[in-house]
Amino acid sequence: MKIQLIKSENQQTSEWSGGTTTQLYIYPESADFSKRDFAYRISSAKVEIDESTFTPFPNYNRKLMVLEGVLDLNHEDHYTVQLHPFGQDAFSGDWTSRSKGKVIDFNVIFSKDYSARLFHFELSKGEEIQLNCKEMSLLYVLHGNLIIDKKCADKKDLFVVNGVGEVSMKANSNTLIIATQLNKIED
């Protein structure tokens, strides 16, 4: 199992029409987001305008979790949902999607060759747990401090765990983690 730590200062932040987005991880790592040649991308966006239209991602699926604020999300000809902190929605990148609300969100965009699971959990100071990792597990520290494999992640750092098995982690303070697990779909 390979464990990589991506510190917040090494994450790429860029502007978009509604605010900023920070790319936390892209796979393969040589992929170019603008060319749409990636298998999956993990990011966090700050939406600073009241209404926005999502960028279309044909042939991709999306999962979105609100971290701060309230988001009204309308998928044209499909459904409307209101998301509060840690609420999430899964939808097709082919859909026309519009949002209302200023929020900070967490995004997973993945090709139809993958499945994705998105969840959050909290650890109390000093708590140790074992996490059952799948093919690829990404652990984003929203608040606090987390140690895995003698590597220490602080707020907005990301652990990338590549491989199947259990990973031992310990919180040095009260810690909130956003976890994404991705697996290639077998034919």
Protein backbone atom coordinates (compact mmCIF):
# COMPACT_ATOMS: atom_id res chain seq x y z
CA MET A 1 0.00 0.00 0.00
CA LYS A 2 1.33 3.43 -0.94
CA ILE A 3 0.51 6.47 1.23
CA GLN A 4 1.14 9.97 -0.09
CA LEU A 5 0.59 13.26 1.76
CA ILE A 6 -0.30 16.34 -0.30
CA LYS A 7 0.10 19.48 1.81
CA SER A 8 -2.30 22.38 1.21
CA GLU A 9 0.50 24.64 -0.05
CA ASN A 10 1.14 22.16 -2.90
CA GLN A 11 -2.49 22.12 -4.08
CA GLN A 12 -3.43 24.06 -7.21
CA THR A 13 -6.03 26.85 -6.77
CA SER A 14 -7.56 28.63 -9.74
CA GLU A 15 -10.37 31.08 -10.35
CA TRP A 16 -13.63 30.33 -12.12
CA SER A 17 -16.58 32.61 -12.88
CA GLY A 18 -18.17 32.03 -9.47
CA GLY A 19 -15.19 31.95 -7.13
CA THR A 20 -12.17 29.70 -6.64
CA THR A 21 -11.51 25.98 -6.93
CA THR A 22 -8.66 23.99 -5.41
CA GLN A 23 -7.62 20.79 -7.12
CA LEU A 24 -6.73 18.37 -4.35
CA TYR A 25 -5.90 15.38 -6.57
CA ILE A 26 -6.22 14.26 -10.17
CA TYR A 27 -5.66 10.78 -11.60
CA PRO A 28 -3.62 9.97 -13.45
CA GLU A 29 -1.32 12.60 -11.98
CA SER A 30 -0.11 13.50 -15.49
CA ALA A 31 -3.71 14.33 -16.56
CA ASP A 32 -4.72 17.83 -17.66
CA PHE A 33 -8.09 18.86 -16.20
CA SER A 34 -8.80 21.27 -19.08
CA LYS A 35 -8.28 18.46 -21.63
CA ARG A 36 -10.72 16.16 -19.79
CA ASP A 37 -8.19 13.32 -19.97
CA PHE A 38 -8.50 12.32 -16.30
CA ALA A 39 -10.12 9.26 -14.71
CA TYR A 40 -11.11 11.23 -11.60
CA ARG A 41 -10.53 14.57 -9.92
CA ILE A 42 -11.04 15.64 -6.30
CA SER A 43 -11.48 19.34 -5.54
CA SER A 44 -12.98 21.90 -3.19
CA ALA A 45 -14.67 25.04 -4.48
CA LYS A 46 -15.66 28.31 -2.90
CA VAL A 47 -18.84 29.65 -4.52
CA GLU A 48 -18.90 33.42 -4.02
CA ILE A 49 -21.91 34.36 -6.20
CA ASP A 50 -25.60 33.78 -5.49
CA GLU A 51 -26.34 31.75 -8.65
CA SER A 52 -24.10 29.67 -10.89
CA THR A 53 -24.26 27.06 -13.64
CA PHE A 54 -22.08 23.99 -13.31
CA THR A 55 -19.51 23.29 -15.98
CA PRO A 56 -20.69 20.29 -18.02
CA PHE A 57 -18.61 17.09 -17.86
CA PRO A 58 -20.00 14.74 -20.51
CA ASN A 59 -19.23 11.05 -19.85
CA TYR A 60 -18.40 11.73 -16.19
CA ASN A 61 -20.35 11.32 -12.96
CA ARG A 62 -20.22 13.76 -10.08
CA LYS A 63 -20.60 13.71 -6.31
CA LEU A 64 -20.83 16.96 -4.39
CA MET A 65 -20.84 17.53 -0.63
CA VAL A 66 -21.50 20.92 0.97
CA LEU A 67 -18.91 21.80 3.63
CA GLU A 68 -20.22 25.26 4.60
CA GLY A 69 -23.45 27.06 3.75
CA VAL A 70 -26.69 25.93 2.09
CA LEU A 71 -26.95 25.07 -1.61
CA ASP A 72 -30.09 24.76 -3.72
CA LEU A 73 -29.18 22.51 -6.63
CA ASN A 74 -31.42 22.14 -9.69
CA HIS A 75 -30.74 19.45 -12.29
CA GLU A 76 -32.78 20.56 -15.29
CA ASP A 77 -35.46 17.98 -16.25
CA HIS A 78 -34.43 15.74 -13.32
CA TYR A 79 -34.86 17.04 -9.76
CA THR A 80 -34.04 19.79 -7.25
CA VAL A 81 -32.35 19.24 -3.90
CA GLN A 82 -31.27 21.48 -1.01
CA LEU A 83 -27.95 20.57 0.60
CA HIS A 84 -26.87 21.58 4.09
CA PRO A 85 -23.40 20.96 5.57
CA PHE A 86 -22.29 17.39 4.83
CA GLY A 87 -25.35 16.79 2.67
CA GLN A 88 -24.43 15.40 -0.72
CA ASP A 89 -25.77 14.70 -4.17
CA ALA A 90 -24.70 12.33 -6.95
CA PHE A 91 -25.50 13.26 -10.55
CA SER A 92 -24.42 12.99 -14.16
CA GLY A 93 -21.90 15.44 -15.57
CA ASP A 94 -24.05 15.37 -18.73
CA TRP A 95 -26.90 17.17 -16.94
CA THR A 96 -27.50 20.92 -16.93
CA SER A 97 -27.12 21.82 -13.25
CA ARG A 98 -27.62 25.20 -11.61
CA SER A 99 -27.08 26.24 -8.02
CA LYS A 100 -28.16 29.00 -5.67
CA GLY A 101 -26.22 29.80 -2.53
CA LYS A 102 -22.76 30.85 -1.43
CA VAL A 103 -20.99 27.74 -0.15
CA ILE A 104 -17.76 25.83 0.16
CA ASP A 105 -18.15 22.40 -1.38
CA PHE A 106 -16.22 19.21 -2.00
CA ASN A 107 -16.36 17.66 -5.48
CA VAL A 108 -15.59 14.28 -6.98
CA ILE A 109 -15.72 14.04 -10.78
CA PHE A 110 -15.11 10.54 -12.08
CA SER A 111 -15.33 8.67 -15.37
CA LYS A 112 -18.04 6.08 -15.86
CA ASP A 113 -15.32 3.42 -15.50
CA TYR A 114 -15.22 4.12 -11.73
CA SER A 115 -17.51 4.03 -8.74
CA ALA A 116 -17.09 6.53 -5.92
CA ARG A 117 -18.12 6.70 -2.29
CA LEU A 118 -18.03 10.02 -0.41
CA PHE A 119 -18.48 10.31 3.37
CA HIS A 120 -17.22 12.18 6.42
CA PHE A 121 -16.24 11.13 9.93
CA GLU A 122 -14.87 12.66 13.12
CA LEU A 123 -12.12 11.52 15.45
CA SER A 124 -11.61 12.80 18.99
CA LYS A 125 -8.19 13.90 20.19
CA GLY A 126 -6.04 10.80 20.73
CA GLU A 127 -8.50 8.46 19.01
CA GLU A 128 -7.04 5.72 16.81
CA ILE A 129 -8.98 3.76 14.20
CA GLN A 130 -8.42 1.35 11.34
CA LEU A 131 -9.92 2.34 7.98
CA ASN A 132 -10.66 -0.36 5.45
CA CYS A 133 -9.26 1.12 2.23
CA LYS A 134 -10.38 0.18 -1.26
CA GLU A 135 -8.46 0.61 -4.51
CA MET A 136 -7.96 4.35 -3.92
CA SER A 137 -8.86 6.23 -0.73
CA LEU A 138 -8.42 9.98 -0.31
CA LEU A 139 -8.67 11.54 3.15
CA TYR A 140 -9.08 15.33 3.30
CA VAL A 141 -8.54 16.94 6.72
CA LEU A 142 -11.24 19.59 7.00
CA HIS A 143 -10.31 20.46 10.60
CA GLY A 144 -7.74 19.12 13.00
CA ASN A 145 -4.63 17.01 12.66
CA LEU A 146 -4.28 13.40 11.47
CA ILE A 147 -1.34 10.98 11.49
CA ILE A 148 -1.01 8.04 9.09
CA ASP A 149 2.21 6.09 8.58
CA LYS A 150 4.20 8.64 10.67
CA LYS A 151 3.06 11.43 8.30
CA CYS A 152 1.13 14.33 9.79
CA ALA A 153 -1.71 16.09 7.94
CA ASP A 154 -3.10 19.44 9.07
CA LYS A 155 -6.18 21.40 7.98
CA LYS A 156 -6.75 21.18 4.18
CA ASP A 157 -4.04 18.53 3.67
CA LEU A 158 -4.87 15.33 1.77
CA PHE A 159 -3.78 11.74 2.28
CA VAL A 160 -3.81 9.56 -0.86
CA VAL A 161 -3.89 5.86 0.02
CA ASN A 162 -3.35 3.62 -2.99
CA GLY A 163 -4.07 -0.05 -2.36
CA VAL A 164 -6.44 -2.41 -0.59
CA GLY A 165 -6.17 -3.08 3.14
CA GLU A 166 -6.46 -1.48 6.56
CA VAL A 167 -4.78 1.80 7.39
CA SER A 168 -4.18 2.88 10.97
CA MET A 169 -4.79 6.55 11.73
CA LYS A 170 -4.64 8.70 14.85
CA ALA A 171 -6.00 12.16 15.58
CA ASN A 172 -3.74 14.60 17.43
CA SER A 173 -6.72 16.90 18.00
CA ASN A 174 -10.45 16.75 17.34
CA THR A 175 -10.42 16.05 13.60
CA LEU A 176 -13.02 16.07 10.82
CA ILE A 177 -12.20 14.09 7.68
CA ILE A 178 -13.85 13.99 4.25
CA ALA A 179 -13.20 10.57 2.71
CA THR A 180 -13.49 9.51 -0.93
CA GLN A 181 -13.08 5.92 -2.06
CA LEU A 182 -12.79 5.12 -5.76
CA ASN A 183 -12.78 1.72 -7.47
CA LYS A 184 -12.47 0.75 -11.10
CA ILE A 185 -15.61 -1.01 -12.29
CA GLU A 186 -14.86 -4.47 -13.61
CA ASP A 187 -16.34 -5.38 -17.01
